[in-house]
PDB file of N, CA and C in Angstrom:
ATOM      1  N   ASN A   1     -23.547  40.570 172.070  1.00  0.00           N
ATOM      2  CA  ASN A   1     -23.835  40.498 170.651  1.00  0.00           C
ATOM      3  C   ASN A   1     -22.615  40.083 169.839  1.00  0.00           C
ATOM      4  N   GLY A   2     -21.519  39.753 170.489  1.00  0.00           N
ATOM      5  CA  GLY A   2     -20.318  39.310 169.797  1.00  0.00           C
ATOM      6  C   GLY A   2     -19.448  40.435 169.281  1.00  0.00           C
ATOM      7  N   HIS A   3     -19.907  41.666 169.388  1.00  0.00           N
ATOM      8  CA  HIS A   3     -19.145  42.826 168.927  1.00  0.00           C
ATOM      9  C   HIS A   3     -17.967  43.068 169.862  1.00  0.00           C
ATOM     10  N   ILE A   4     -16.800  43.235 169.284  1.00  0.00           N
ATOM     11  CA  ILE A   4     -15.624  43.578 170.087  1.00  0.00           C
ATOM     12  C   ILE A   4     -15.618  45.082 170.277  1.00  0.00           C
ATOM     13  N   GLY A   5     -15.683  45.496 171.520  1.00  0.00           N
ATOM     14  CA  GLY A   5     -15.771  46.920 171.821  1.00  0.00           C
ATOM     15  C   GLY A   5     -14.412  47.583 171.903  1.00  0.00           C
ATOM     16  N   HIS A   6     -14.471  48.877 172.030  1.00  0.00           N
ATOM     17  CA  HIS A   6     -13.268  49.685 172.160  1.00  0.00           C
ATOM     18  C   HIS A   6     -13.353  50.503 173.446  1.00  0.00           C
ATOM     19  N   VAL A   7     -12.238  50.584 174.145  1.00  0.00           N
ATOM     20  CA  VAL A   7     -12.181  51.401 175.344  1.00  0.00           C
ATOM     21  C   VAL A   7     -12.203  52.860 174.898  1.00  0.00           C
ATOM     22  N   THR A   8     -13.209  53.594 175.360  1.00  0.00           N
ATOM     23  CA  THR A   8     -13.329  54.996 174.970  1.00  0.00           C
ATOM     24  C   THR A   8     -12.890  55.944 176.076  1.00  0.00           C
ATOM     25  N   GLU A   9     -12.766  55.413 177.303  1.00  0.00           N
ATOM     26  CA  GLU A   9     -12.242  56.246 178.380  1.00  0.00           C
ATOM     27  C   GLU A   9     -11.687  55.347 179.482  1.00  0.00           C
ATOM     28  N   VAL A  10     -10.524  55.735 179.990  1.00  0.00           N
ATOM     29  CA  VAL A  10      -9.932  55.083 181.160  1.00  0.00           C
ATOM     30  C   VAL A  10     -10.119  56.046 182.314  1.00  0.00           C
ATOM     31  N   LEU A  11     -10.800  55.574 183.348  1.00  0.00           N
ATOM     32  CA  LEU A  11     -11.105  56.419 184.494  1.00  0.00           C
ATOM     33  C   LEU A  11     -10.190  56.066 185.649  1.00  0.00           C
ATOM     34  N   VAL A  12      -9.624  57.074 186.274  1.00  0.00           N
ATOM     35  CA  VAL A  12      -8.770  56.894 187.441  1.00  0.00           C
ATOM     36  C   VAL A  12      -9.365  57.749 188.553  1.00  0.00           C
ATOM     37  N   HIS A  13      -9.846  57.077 189.597  1.00  0.00           N
ATOM     38  CA  HIS A  13     -10.461  57.767 190.724  1.00  0.00           C
ATOM     39  C   HIS A  13      -9.494  57.733 191.905  1.00  0.00           C
ATOM     40  N   SER A  14      -8.992  58.878 192.301  1.00  0.00           N
ATOM     41  CA  SER A  14      -8.064  58.975 193.428  1.00  0.00           C
ATOM     42  C   SER A  14      -8.815  58.765 194.738  1.00  0.00           C
ATOM     43  N   MET A  15      -8.262  57.909 195.573  1.00  0.00           N
ATOM     44  CA  MET A  15      -8.873  57.614 196.874  1.00  0.00           C
ATOM     45  C   MET A  15      -8.023  58.145 198.023  1.00  0.00           C
ATOM     46  N   GLU A  16      -6.912  58.796 197.716  1.00  0.00           N
ATOM     47  CA  GLU A  16      -6.038  59.440 198.697  1.00  0.00           C
ATOM     48  C   GLU A  16      -5.622  58.509 199.836  1.00  0.00           C
ATOM     49  N   LYS A  17      -5.359  57.270 199.480  1.00  0.00           N
ATOM     50  CA  LYS A  17      -4.890  56.257 200.439  1.00  0.00           C
ATOM     51  C   LYS A  17      -5.859  56.064 201.600  1.00  0.00           C
ATOM     52  N   ASP A  18      -7.142  56.211 201.313  1.00  0.00           N
ATOM     53  CA  ASP A  18      -8.163  55.988 202.329  1.00  0.00           C
ATOM     54  C   ASP A  18      -8.391  54.496 202.532  1.00  0.00           C
ATOM     55  N   LEU A  19      -8.794  54.142 203.740  1.00  0.00           N
ATOM     56  CA  LEU A  19      -9.186  52.776 204.034  1.00  0.00           C
ATOM     57  C   LEU A  19     -10.600  52.595 203.506  1.00  0.00           C
ATOM     58  N   ARG A  20     -10.777  51.624 202.620  1.00  0.00           N
ATOM     59  CA  ARG A  20     -12.061  51.421 201.937  1.00  0.00           C
ATOM     60  C   ARG A  20     -12.474  49.964 201.993  1.00  0.00           C
ATOM     61  N   ASP A  21     -13.800  49.751 201.955  1.00  0.00           N
ATOM     62  CA  ASP A  21     -14.307  48.399 201.737  1.00  0.00           C
ATOM     63  C   ASP A  21     -14.075  48.052 200.274  1.00  0.00           C
ATOM     64  N   VAL A  22     -13.514  46.887 200.038  1.00  0.00           N
ATOM     65  CA  VAL A  22     -13.325  46.371 198.685  1.00  0.00           C
ATOM     66  C   VAL A  22     -13.774  44.921 198.666  1.00  0.00           C
ATOM     67  N   VAL A  23     -14.077  44.453 197.479  1.00  0.00           N
ATOM     68  CA  VAL A  23     -14.368  43.036 197.290  1.00  0.00           C
ATOM     69  C   VAL A  23     -13.128  42.409 196.677  1.00  0.00           C
ATOM     70  N   VAL A  24     -12.685  41.307 197.264  1.00  0.00           N
ATOM     71  CA  VAL A  24     -11.530  40.573 196.762  1.00  0.00           C
ATOM     72  C   VAL A  24     -12.041  39.241 196.231  1.00  0.00           C
ATOM     73  N   VAL A  25     -11.785  39.000 194.955  1.00  0.00           N
ATOM     74  CA  VAL A  25     -12.224  37.768 194.307  1.00  0.00           C
ATOM     75  C   VAL A  25     -10.988  36.995 193.860  1.00  0.00           C
ATOM     76  N   PRO A  26     -10.687  35.871 194.507  1.00  0.00           N
ATOM     77  CA  PRO A  26      -9.561  35.063 194.044  1.00  0.00           C
ATOM     78  C   PRO A  26      -9.889  34.441 192.678  1.00  0.00           C
ATOM     79  N   THR A  27      -8.958  34.546 191.748  1.00  0.00           N
ATOM     80  CA  THR A  27      -9.130  33.914 190.439  1.00  0.00           C
ATOM     81  C   THR A  27      -7.823  33.207 190.071  1.00  0.00           C
ATOM     82  N   SER A  28      -7.874  32.405 189.055  1.00  0.00           N
ATOM     83  CA  SER A  28      -6.658  31.713 188.606  1.00  0.00           C
ATOM     84  C   SER A  28      -5.651  32.685 188.010  1.00  0.00           C
ATOM     85  N   HIS A  29      -6.064  33.915 187.749  1.00  0.00           N
ATOM     86  CA  HIS A  29      -5.187  34.948 187.180  1.00  0.00           C
ATOM     87  C   HIS A  29      -4.694  35.924 188.244  1.00  0.00           C
ATOM     88  N   GLY A  30      -5.006  35.650 189.506  1.00  0.00           N
ATOM     89  CA  GLY A  30      -4.676  36.567 190.594  1.00  0.00           C
ATOM     90  C   GLY A  30      -5.946  37.167 191.151  1.00  0.00           C
ATOM     91  N   ALA A  31      -5.818  37.869 192.240  1.00  0.00           N
ATOM     92  CA  ALA A  31      -6.994  38.447 192.899  1.00  0.00           C
ATOM     93  C   ALA A  31      -7.521  39.643 192.116  1.00  0.00           C
ATOM     94  N   LEU A  32      -8.828  39.685 191.966  1.00  0.00           N
ATOM     95  CA  LEU A  32      -9.509  40.847 191.409  1.00  0.00           C
ATOM     96  C   LEU A  32     -10.027  41.647 192.593  1.00  0.00           C
ATOM     97  N   VAL A  33      -9.677  42.919 192.658  1.00  0.00           N
ATOM     98  CA  VAL A  33     -10.113  43.791 193.738  1.00  0.00           C
ATOM     99  C   VAL A  33     -10.971  44.886 193.126  1.00  0.00           C
ATOM    100  N   GLY A  34     -12.177  45.052 193.668  1.00  0.00           N
ATOM    101  CA  GLY A  34     -13.075  46.054 193.112  1.00  0.00           C
ATOM    102  C   GLY A  34     -13.938  46.701 194.163  1.00  0.00           C
ATOM    103  N   THR A  35     -14.624  47.745 193.759  1.00  0.00           N
ATOM    104  CA  THR A  35     -15.563  48.396 194.665  1.00  0.00           C
ATOM    105  C   THR A  35     -16.758  47.476 194.872  1.00  0.00           C
ATOM    106  N   PRO A  36     -17.370  47.522 196.033  1.00  0.00           N
ATOM    107  CA  PRO A  36     -18.529  46.662 196.290  1.00  0.00           C
ATOM    108  C   PRO A  36     -19.694  46.899 195.333  1.00  0.00           C
ATOM    109  N   THR A  37     -19.776  48.084 194.748  1.00  0.00           N
ATOM    110  CA  THR A  37     -20.911  48.385 193.866  1.00  0.00           C
ATOM    111  C   THR A  37     -20.619  48.151 192.387  1.00  0.00           C
ATOM    112  N   HIS A  38     -19.408  47.699 192.046  1.00  0.00           N
ATOM    113  CA  HIS A  38     -19.110  47.498 190.626  1.00  0.00           C
ATOM    114  C   HIS A  38     -19.891  46.294 190.106  1.00  0.00           C
ATOM    115  N   PRO A  39     -20.616  46.468 188.993  1.00  0.00           N
ATOM    116  CA  PRO A  39     -21.407  45.369 188.458  1.00  0.00           C
ATOM    117  C   PRO A  39     -20.561  44.346 187.695  1.00  0.00           C
ATOM    118  N   ILE A  40     -20.939  43.081 187.878  1.00  0.00           N
ATOM    119  CA  ILE A  40     -20.357  41.985 187.103  1.00  0.00           C
ATOM    120  C   ILE A  40     -21.508  41.167 186.534  1.00  0.00           C
ATOM    121  N   LEU A  41     -21.214  40.436 185.475  1.00  0.00           N
ATOM    122  CA  LEU A  41     -22.221  39.593 184.831  1.00  0.00           C
ATOM    123  C   LEU A  41     -22.084  38.173 185.359  1.00  0.00           C
ATOM    124  N   VAL A  42     -23.165  37.685 185.964  1.00  0.00           N
ATOM    125  CA  VAL A  42     -23.167  36.348 186.553  1.00  0.00           C
ATOM    126  C   VAL A  42     -24.368  35.582 186.017  1.00  0.00           C
ATOM    127  N   MET A  43     -24.108  34.505 185.316  1.00  0.00           N
ATOM    128  CA  MET A  43     -25.173  33.660 184.777  1.00  0.00           C
ATOM    129  C   MET A  43     -26.231  34.485 184.032  1.00  0.00           C
ATOM    130  N   GLY A  44     -25.765  35.437 183.239  1.00  0.00           N
ATOM    131  CA  GLY A  44     -26.662  36.247 182.416  1.00  0.00           C
ATOM    132  C   GLY A  44     -27.324  37.407 183.125  1.00  0.00           C
ATOM    133  N   THR A  45     -26.978  37.643 184.398  1.00  0.00           N
ATOM    134  CA  THR A  45     -27.590  38.715 185.173  1.00  0.00           C
ATOM    135  C   THR A  45     -26.508  39.639 185.728  1.00  0.00           C
ATOM    136  N   TRP A  46     -26.744  40.945 185.627  1.00  0.00           N
ATOM    137  CA  TRP A  46     -25.832  41.913 186.211  1.00  0.00           C
ATOM    138  C   TRP A  46     -26.126  42.038 187.703  1.00  0.00           C
ATOM    139  N   MET A  47     -25.079  41.996 188.511  1.00  0.00           N
ATOM    140  CA  MET A  47     -25.221  42.213 189.946  1.00  0.00           C
ATOM    141  C   MET A  47     -23.973  42.918 190.457  1.00  0.00           C
ATOM    142  N   GLU A  48     -24.157  43.654 191.548  1.00  0.00           N
ATOM    143  CA  GLU A  48     -23.018  44.326 192.156  1.00  0.00           C
ATOM    144  C   GLU A  48     -22.147  43.294 192.865  1.00  0.00           C
ATOM    145  N   LEU A  49     -20.846  43.566 192.913  1.00  0.00           N
ATOM    146  CA  LEU A  49     -19.914  42.633 193.550  1.00  0.00           C
ATOM    147  C   LEU A  49     -20.346  42.262 194.961  1.00  0.00           C
ATOM    148  N   ARG A  50     -20.823  43.225 195.739  1.00  0.00           N
ATOM    149  CA  ARG A  50     -21.222  42.927 197.122  1.00  0.00           C
ATOM    150  C   ARG A  50     -22.356  41.920 197.178  1.00  0.00           C
ATOM    151  N   ASP A  51     -23.262  41.960 196.206  1.00  0.00           N
ATOM    152  CA  ASP A  51     -24.363  40.989 196.162  1.00  0.00           C
ATOM    153  C   ASP A  51     -23.854  39.610 195.756  1.00  0.00           C
ATOM    154  N   ALA A  52     -22.862  39.586 194.889  1.00  0.00           N
ATOM    155  CA  ALA A  52     -22.286  38.307 194.462  1.00  0.00           C
ATOM    156  C   ALA A  52     -21.539  37.629 195.608  1.00  0.00           C
ATOM    157  N   VAL A  53     -20.931  38.423 196.494  1.00  0.00           N
ATOM    158  CA  VAL A  53     -20.206  37.868 197.639  1.00  0.00           C
ATOM    159  C   VAL A  53     -21.165  37.097 198.553  1.00  0.00           C
ATOM    160  N   GLU A  54     -22.380  37.594 198.659  1.00  0.00           N
ATOM    161  CA  GLU A  54     -23.373  36.957 199.528  1.00  0.00           C
ATOM    162  C   GLU A  54     -23.857  35.620 198.984  1.00  0.00           C
ATOM    163  N   ARG A  55     -23.488  35.311 197.761  1.00  0.00           N
ATOM    164  CA  ARG A  55     -23.898  34.045 197.140  1.00  0.00           C
ATOM    165  C   ARG A  55     -22.653  33.214 196.828  1.00  0.00           C
ATOM    166  N   PRO A  56     -22.293  32.291 197.716  1.00  0.00           N
ATOM    167  CA  PRO A  56     -21.078  31.495 197.507  1.00  0.00           C
ATOM    168  C   PRO A  56     -21.117  30.640 196.244  1.00  0.00           C
ATOM    169  N   ASP A  57     -22.309  30.391 195.707  1.00  0.00           N
ATOM    170  CA  ASP A  57     -22.417  29.643 194.456  1.00  0.00           C
ATOM    171  C   ASP A  57     -21.999  30.487 193.260  1.00  0.00           C
ATOM    172  N   VAL A  58     -21.875  31.797 193.461  1.00  0.00           N
ATOM    173  CA  VAL A  58     -21.537  32.715 192.370  1.00  0.00           C
ATOM    174  C   VAL A  58     -20.035  32.986 192.317  1.00  0.00           C
ATOM    175  N   LEU A  59     -19.479  33.474 193.411  1.00  0.00           N
ATOM    176  CA  LEU A  59     -18.050  33.787 193.472  1.00  0.00           C
ATOM    177  C   LEU A  59     -17.440  33.037 194.651  1.00  0.00           C
ATOM    178  N   LYS A  60     -16.801  31.954 194.355  1.00  0.00           N
ATOM    179  CA  LYS A  60     -16.214  31.131 195.410  1.00  0.00           C
ATOM    180  C   LYS A  60     -15.083  31.886 196.108  1.00  0.00           C
ATOM    181  N   ASP A  61     -15.142  31.899 197.424  1.00  0.00           N
ATOM    182  CA  ASP A  61     -14.110  32.497 198.280  1.00  0.00           C
ATOM    183  C   ASP A  61     -13.984  34.009 198.152  1.00  0.00           C
ATOM    184  N   ALA A  62     -14.941  34.677 197.518  1.00  0.00           N
ATOM    185  CA  ALA A  62     -14.909  36.142 197.463  1.00  0.00           C
ATOM    186  C   ALA A  62     -15.248  36.691 198.843  1.00  0.00           C
ATOM    187  N   ARG A  63     -14.676  37.849 199.150  1.00  0.00           N
ATOM    188  CA  ARG A  63     -14.894  38.417 200.473  1.00  0.00           C
ATOM    189  C   ARG A  63     -14.811  39.946 200.406  1.00  0.00           C
ATOM    190  N   ILE A  64     -15.435  40.559 201.378  1.00  0.00           N
ATOM    191  CA  ILE A  64     -15.315  42.011 201.538  1.00  0.00           C
ATOM    192  C   ILE A  64     -14.317  42.256 202.656  1.00  0.00           C
ATOM    193  N   GLU A  65     -13.366  43.134 202.393  1.00  0.00           N
ATOM    194  CA  GLU A  65     -12.386  43.483 203.418  1.00  0.00           C
ATOM    195  C   GLU A  65     -12.019  44.950 203.255  1.00  0.00           C
ATOM    196  N   GLN A  66     -11.332  45.471 204.241  1.00  0.00           N
ATOM    197  CA  GLN A  66     -10.864  46.851 204.156  1.00  0.00           C
ATOM    198  C   GLN A  66      -9.414  46.868 203.705  1.00  0.00           C
ATOM    199  N   GLN A  67      -9.139  47.748 202.760  1.00  0.00           N
ATOM    200  CA  GLN A  67      -7.776  47.932 202.262  1.00  0.00           C
ATOM    201  C   GLN A  67      -7.528  49.423 202.069  1.00  0.00           C
ATOM    202  N   THR A  68      -6.268  49.798 202.177  1.00  0.00           N
ATOM    203  CA  THR A  68      -5.885  51.157 201.839  1.00  0.00           C
ATOM    204  C   THR A  68      -5.806  51.244 200.327  1.00  0.00           C
ATOM    205  N   VAL A  69      -6.521  52.202 199.770  1.00  0.00           N
ATOM    206  CA  VAL A  69      -6.632  52.311 198.315  1.00  0.00           C
ATOM    207  C   VAL A  69      -6.101  53.658 197.855  1.00  0.00           C
ATOM    208  N   ASP A  70      -5.181  53.611 196.896  1.00  0.00           N
ATOM    209  CA  ASP A  70      -4.680  54.842 196.280  1.00  0.00           C
ATOM    210  C   ASP A  70      -5.604  55.289 195.147  1.00  0.00           C
ATOM    211  N   PHE A  71      -5.947  54.332 194.282  1.00  0.00           N
ATOM    212  CA  PHE A  71      -6.746  54.624 193.096  1.00  0.00           C
ATOM    213  C   PHE A  71      -7.669  53.453 192.793  1.00  0.00           C
ATOM    214  N   PHE A  72      -8.819  53.755 192.218  1.00  0.00           N
ATOM    215  CA  PHE A  72      -9.659  52.758 191.574  1.00  0.00           C
ATOM    216  C   PHE A  72      -9.651  53.083 190.088  1.00  0.00           C
ATOM    217  N   TYR A  73      -9.537  52.054 189.277  1.00  0.00           N
ATOM    218  CA  TYR A  73      -9.534  52.212 187.826  1.00  0.00           C
ATOM    219  C   TYR A  73     -10.806  51.609 187.266  1.00  0.00           C
ATOM    220  N   ASN A  74     -11.307  52.224 186.214  1.00  0.00           N
ATOM    221  CA  ASN A  74     -12.498  51.717 185.547  1.00  0.00           C
ATOM    222  C   ASN A  74     -12.376  52.022 184.059  1.00  0.00           C
ATOM    223  N   LEU A  75     -13.120  51.279 183.275  1.00  0.00           N
ATOM    224  CA  LEU A  75     -13.099  51.469 181.833  1.00  0.00           C
ATOM    225  C   LEU A  75     -14.496  51.792 181.323  1.00  0.00           C
ATOM    226  N   GLU A  76     -14.545  52.672 180.349  1.00  0.00           N
ATOM    227  CA  GLU A  76     -15.769  52.905 179.601  1.00  0.00           C
ATOM    228  C   GLU A  76     -15.561  52.252 178.237  1.00  0.00           C
ATOM    229  N   VAL A  77     -16.471  51.377 177.867  1.00  0.00           N
ATOM    230  CA  VAL A  77     -16.375  50.656 176.597  1.00  0.00           C
ATOM    231  C   VAL A  77     -17.478  51.153 175.667  1.00  0.00           C
ATOM    232  N   ASP A  78     -17.083  51.587 174.487  1.00  0.00           N
ATOM    233  CA  ASP A  78     -18.012  52.058 173.452  1.00  0.00           C
ATOM    234  C   ASP A  78     -18.939  53.165 173.933  1.00  0.00           C
ATOM    235  N   GLY A  79     -18.397  54.081 174.728  1.00  0.00           N
ATOM    236  CA  GLY A  79     -19.196  55.200 175.224  1.00  0.00           C
ATOM    237  C   GLY A  79     -19.667  56.129 174.128  1.00  0.00           C
ATOM    238  N   HIS A  80     -19.000  56.104 173.000  1.00  0.00           N
ATOM    239  CA  HIS A  80     -19.358  56.972 171.878  1.00  0.00           C
ATOM    240  C   HIS A  80     -20.541  56.439 171.076  1.00  0.00           C
ATOM    241  N   GLU A  81     -20.900  55.156 171.274  1.00  0.00           N
ATOM    242  CA  GLU A  81     -22.009  54.550 170.529  1.00  0.00           C
ATOM    243  C   GLU A  81     -22.860  53.690 171.470  1.00  0.00           C
ATOM    244  N   PRO A  82     -23.720  54.319 172.275  1.00  0.00           N
ATOM    245  CA  PRO A  82     -24.548  53.553 173.208  1.00  0.00           C
ATOM    246  C   PRO A  82     -25.359  52.462 172.511  1.00  0.00           C
ATOM    247  N   GLY A  83     -25.282  51.264 173.062  1.00  0.00           N
ATOM    248  CA  GLY A  83     -26.044  50.136 172.543  1.00  0.00           C
ATOM    249  C   GLY A  83     -25.338  49.301 171.493  1.00  0.00           C
ATOM    250  N   ILE A  84     -24.168  49.741 171.024  1.00  0.00           N
ATOM    251  CA  ILE A  84     -23.476  49.006 169.960  1.00  0.00           C
ATOM    252  C   ILE A  84     -22.869  47.698 170.465  1.00  0.00           C
ATOM    253  N   SER A  85     -22.605  47.628 171.766  1.00  0.00           N
ATOM    254  CA  SER A  85     -21.991  46.432 172.333  1.00  0.00           C
ATOM    255  C   SER A  85     -22.595  46.175 173.711  1.00  0.00           C
ATOM    256  N   SER A  86     -22.044  45.228 174.421  1.00  0.00           N
ATOM    257  CA  SER A  86     -22.503  44.956 175.785  1.00  0.00           C
ATOM    258  C   SER A  86     -21.893  45.929 176.789  1.00  0.00           C
ATOM    259  N   HIS A  87     -21.003  46.808 176.332  1.00  0.00           N
ATOM    260  CA  HIS A  87     -20.351  47.782 177.205  1.00  0.00           C
ATOM    261  C   HIS A  87     -19.769  47.082 178.432  1.00  0.00           C
ATOM    262  N   SER A  88     -18.963  46.069 178.166  1.00  0.00           N
ATOM    263  CA  SER A  88     -18.352  45.283 179.245  1.00  0.00           C
ATOM    264  C   SER A  88     -16.968  44.840 178.814  1.00  0.00           C
ATOM    265  N   TYR A  89     -16.217  44.288 179.777  1.00  0.00           N
ATOM    266  CA  TYR A  89     -14.888  43.778 179.488  1.00  0.00           C
ATOM    267  C   TYR A  89     -14.620  42.606 180.415  1.00  0.00           C
ATOM    268  N   VAL A  90     -13.643  41.803 180.073  1.00  0.00           N
ATOM    269  CA  VAL A  90     -13.280  40.643 180.883  1.00  0.00           C
ATOM    270  C   VAL A  90     -11.999  40.973 181.630  1.00  0.00           C
ATOM    271  N   VAL A  91     -12.042  40.786 182.948  1.00  0.00           N
ATOM    272  CA  VAL A  91     -10.876  41.018 183.792  1.00  0.00           C
ATOM    273  C   VAL A  91     -10.730  39.812 184.712  1.00  0.00           C
ATOM    274  N   ASN A  92      -9.580  39.183 184.655  1.00  0.00           N
ATOM    275  CA  ASN A  92      -9.316  37.986 185.468  1.00  0.00           C
ATOM    276  C   ASN A  92     -10.411  36.934 185.299  1.00  0.00           C
ATOM    277  N   GLY A  93     -10.947  36.828 184.096  1.00  0.00           N
ATOM    278  CA  GLY A  93     -11.955  35.820 183.803  1.00  0.00           C
ATOM    279  C   GLY A  93     -13.368  36.201 184.208  1.00  0.00           C
ATOM    280  N   ILE A  94     -13.572  37.405 184.689  1.00  0.00           N
ATOM    281  CA  ILE A  94     -14.891  37.866 185.122  1.00  0.00           C
ATOM    282  C   ILE A  94     -15.349  38.988 184.194  1.00  0.00           C
ATOM    283  N   VAL A  95     -16.616  38.929 183.770  1.00  0.00           N
ATOM    284  CA  VAL A  95     -17.162  39.980 182.914  1.00  0.00           C
ATOM    285  C   VAL A  95     -17.600  41.138 183.806  1.00  0.00           C
ATOM    286  N   ALA A  96     -16.974  42.290 183.590  1.00  0.00           N
ATOM    287  CA  ALA A  96     -17.257  43.489 184.373  1.00  0.00           C
ATOM    288  C   ALA A  96     -17.940  44.536 183.504  1.00  0.00           C
ATOM    289  N   SER A  97     -18.766  45.341 184.135  1.00  0.00           N
ATOM    290  CA  SER A  97     -19.464  46.406 183.424  1.00  0.00           C
ATOM    291  C   SER A  97     -18.471  47.470 182.981  1.00  0.00           C
ATOM    292  N   GLY A  98     -18.625  47.943 181.760  1.00  0.00           N
ATOM    293  CA  GLY A  98     -17.762  48.977 181.207  1.00  0.00           C
ATOM    294  C   GLY A  98     -18.526  50.247 180.874  1.00  0.00           C
ATOM    295  N   LEU A  99     -19.452  50.631 181.749  1.00  0.00           N
ATOM    296  CA  LEU A  99     -20.231  51.843 181.516  1.00  0.00           C
ATOM    297  C   LEU A  99     -19.503  53.094 181.980  1.00  0.00           C
ATOM    298  N   GLY A 100     -18.476  52.902 182.809  1.00  0.00           N
ATOM    299  CA  GLY A 100     -17.712  54.038 183.316  1.00  0.00           C
ATOM    300  C   GLY A 100     -18.599  55.017 184.056  1.00  0.00           C
ATOM    301  N   ASP A 101     -18.304  56.300 183.933  1.00  0.00           N
ATOM    302  CA  ASP A 101     -19.096  57.356 184.567  1.00  0.00           C
ATOM    303  C   ASP A 101     -20.063  57.998 183.567  1.00  0.00           C
ATOM    304  N   ASN A 102     -20.245  57.341 182.426  1.00  0.00           N
ATOM    305  CA  ASN A 102     -21.054  57.884 181.345  1.00  0.00           C
ATOM    306  C   ASN A 102     -22.540  57.879 181.738  1.00  0.00           C
ATOM    307  N   GLN A 103     -23.109  59.068 181.904  1.00  0.00           N
ATOM    308  CA  GLN A 103     -24.494  59.182 182.348  1.00  0.00           C
ATOM    309  C   GLN A 103     -25.469  58.570 181.347  1.00  0.00           C
ATOM    310  N   VAL A 104     -25.231  58.757 180.065  1.00  0.00           N
ATOM    311  CA  VAL A 104     -26.114  58.192 179.042  1.00  0.00           C
ATOM    312  C   VAL A 104     -26.121  56.669 179.132  1.00  0.00           C
ATOM    313  N   LEU A 105     -24.927  56.056 179.189  1.00  0.00           N
ATOM    314  CA  LEU A 105     -24.852  54.597 179.277  1.00  0.00           C
ATOM    315  C   LEU A 105     -25.484  54.077 180.564  1.00  0.00           C
ATOM    316  N   ASN A 106     -25.199  54.740 181.681  1.00  0.00           N
ATOM    317  CA  ASN A 106     -25.707  54.264 182.970  1.00  0.00           C
ATOM    318  C   ASN A 106     -27.216  54.389 183.092  1.00  0.00           C
ATOM    319  N   THR A 107     -27.821  55.361 182.426  1.00  0.00           N
ATOM    320  CA  THR A 107     -29.281  55.446 182.459  1.00  0.00           C
ATOM    321  C   THR A 107     -29.914  54.495 181.449  1.00  0.00           C
ATOM    322  N   MET A 108     -29.229  54.216 180.348  1.00  0.00           N
ATOM    323  CA  MET A 108     -29.736  53.227 179.384  1.00  0.00           C
ATOM    324  C   MET A 108     -29.637  51.805 179.926  1.00  0.00           C
ATOM    325  N   PHE A 109     -28.546  51.524 180.644  1.00  0.00           N
ATOM    326  CA  PHE A 109     -28.266  50.185 181.171  1.00  0.00           C
ATOM    327  C   PHE A 109     -27.984  50.297 182.675  1.00  0.00           C
ATOM    328  N   PRO A 110     -29.007  50.514 183.506  1.00  0.00           N
ATOM    329  CA  PRO A 110     -28.779  50.731 184.943  1.00  0.00           C
ATOM    330  C   PRO A 110     -28.401  49.444 185.670  1.00  0.00           C
ATOM    331  N   ARG A 111     -27.115  49.167 185.726  1.00  0.00           N
ATOM    332  CA  ARG A 111     -26.603  47.930 186.326  1.00  0.00           C
ATOM    333  C   ARG A 111     -26.308  48.074 187.814  1.00  0.00           C
ATOM    334  N   GLN A 112     -26.180  49.295 188.288  1.00  0.00           N
ATOM    335  CA  GLN A 112     -25.896  49.547 189.704  1.00  0.00           C
ATOM    336  C   GLN A 112     -27.161  50.079 190.369  1.00  0.00           C
ATOM    337  N   SER A 113     -27.303  49.785 191.657  1.00  0.00           N
ATOM    338  CA  SER A 113     -28.507  50.214 192.380  1.00  0.00           C
ATOM    339  C   SER A 113     -28.671  51.725 192.343  1.00  0.00           C
ATOM    340  N   VAL A 114     -27.564  52.469 192.399  1.00  0.00           N
ATOM    341  CA  VAL A 114     -27.665  53.930 192.360  1.00  0.00           C
ATOM    342  C   VAL A 114     -28.292  54.414 191.051  1.00  0.00           C
ATOM    343  N   TRP A 115     -27.985  53.774 189.932  1.00  0.00           N
ATOM    344  CA  TRP A 115     -28.564  54.154 188.649  1.00  0.00           C
ATOM    345  C   TRP A 115     -29.968  53.597 188.486  1.00  0.00           C
ATOM    346  N   GLN A 116     -30.257  52.456 189.087  1.00  0.00           N
ATOM    347  CA  GLN A 116     -31.619  51.920 189.033  1.00  0.00           C
ATOM    348  C   GLN A 116     -32.580  52.853 189.731  1.00  0.00           C
ATOM    349  N   GLN A 117     -32.154  53.479 190.826  1.00  0.00           N
ATOM    350  CA  GLN A 117     -32.987  54.435 191.549  1.00  0.00           C
ATOM    351  C   GLN A 117     -33.237  55.692 190.702  1.00  0.00           C
ATOM    352  N   VAL A 118     -32.260  56.085 189.903  1.00  0.00           N
ATOM    353  CA  VAL A 118     -32.398  57.278 189.059  1.00  0.00           C
ATOM    354  C   VAL A 118     -33.457  57.055 187.988  1.00  0.00           C
ATOM    355  N   VAL A 119     -33.465  55.879 187.372  1.00  0.00           N
ATOM    356  CA  VAL A 119     -34.386  55.637 186.256  1.00  0.00           C
ATOM    357  C   VAL A 119     -35.768  55.163 186.697  1.00  0.00           C
ATOM    358  N   ASP A 120     -35.894  54.736 187.963  1.00  0.00           N
ATOM    359  CA  ASP A 120     -37.227  54.292 188.441  1.00  0.00           C
ATOM    360  C   ASP A 120     -38.144  55.454 188.716  1.00  0.00           C
TER     361      ASP A 120
END
């Protein structure tokens, strides 16, 4: 809707240096590394990173690999006013979902399969 949102929460999830599956997306700004289930906006449709990897027309050279992860970071955008914005942000040129761990936002805008199952 063109509204510039505000970050209402920065989430830091400790992974205790566990070996995890991650999606690596090469971009002109450097590699974007994310969880396989993190939603991104592709051609007007929200999809999880792992689904985008399966479509080479969507994310060129993206791949799933295992990496040792200390922390995953996520942002909640406009969590205080559900629906005021797209609740998203741009990282390395890719539009990422900014619903964070907010239950209200995730049930209003179920972009991940885990939340789609909750609202169905």
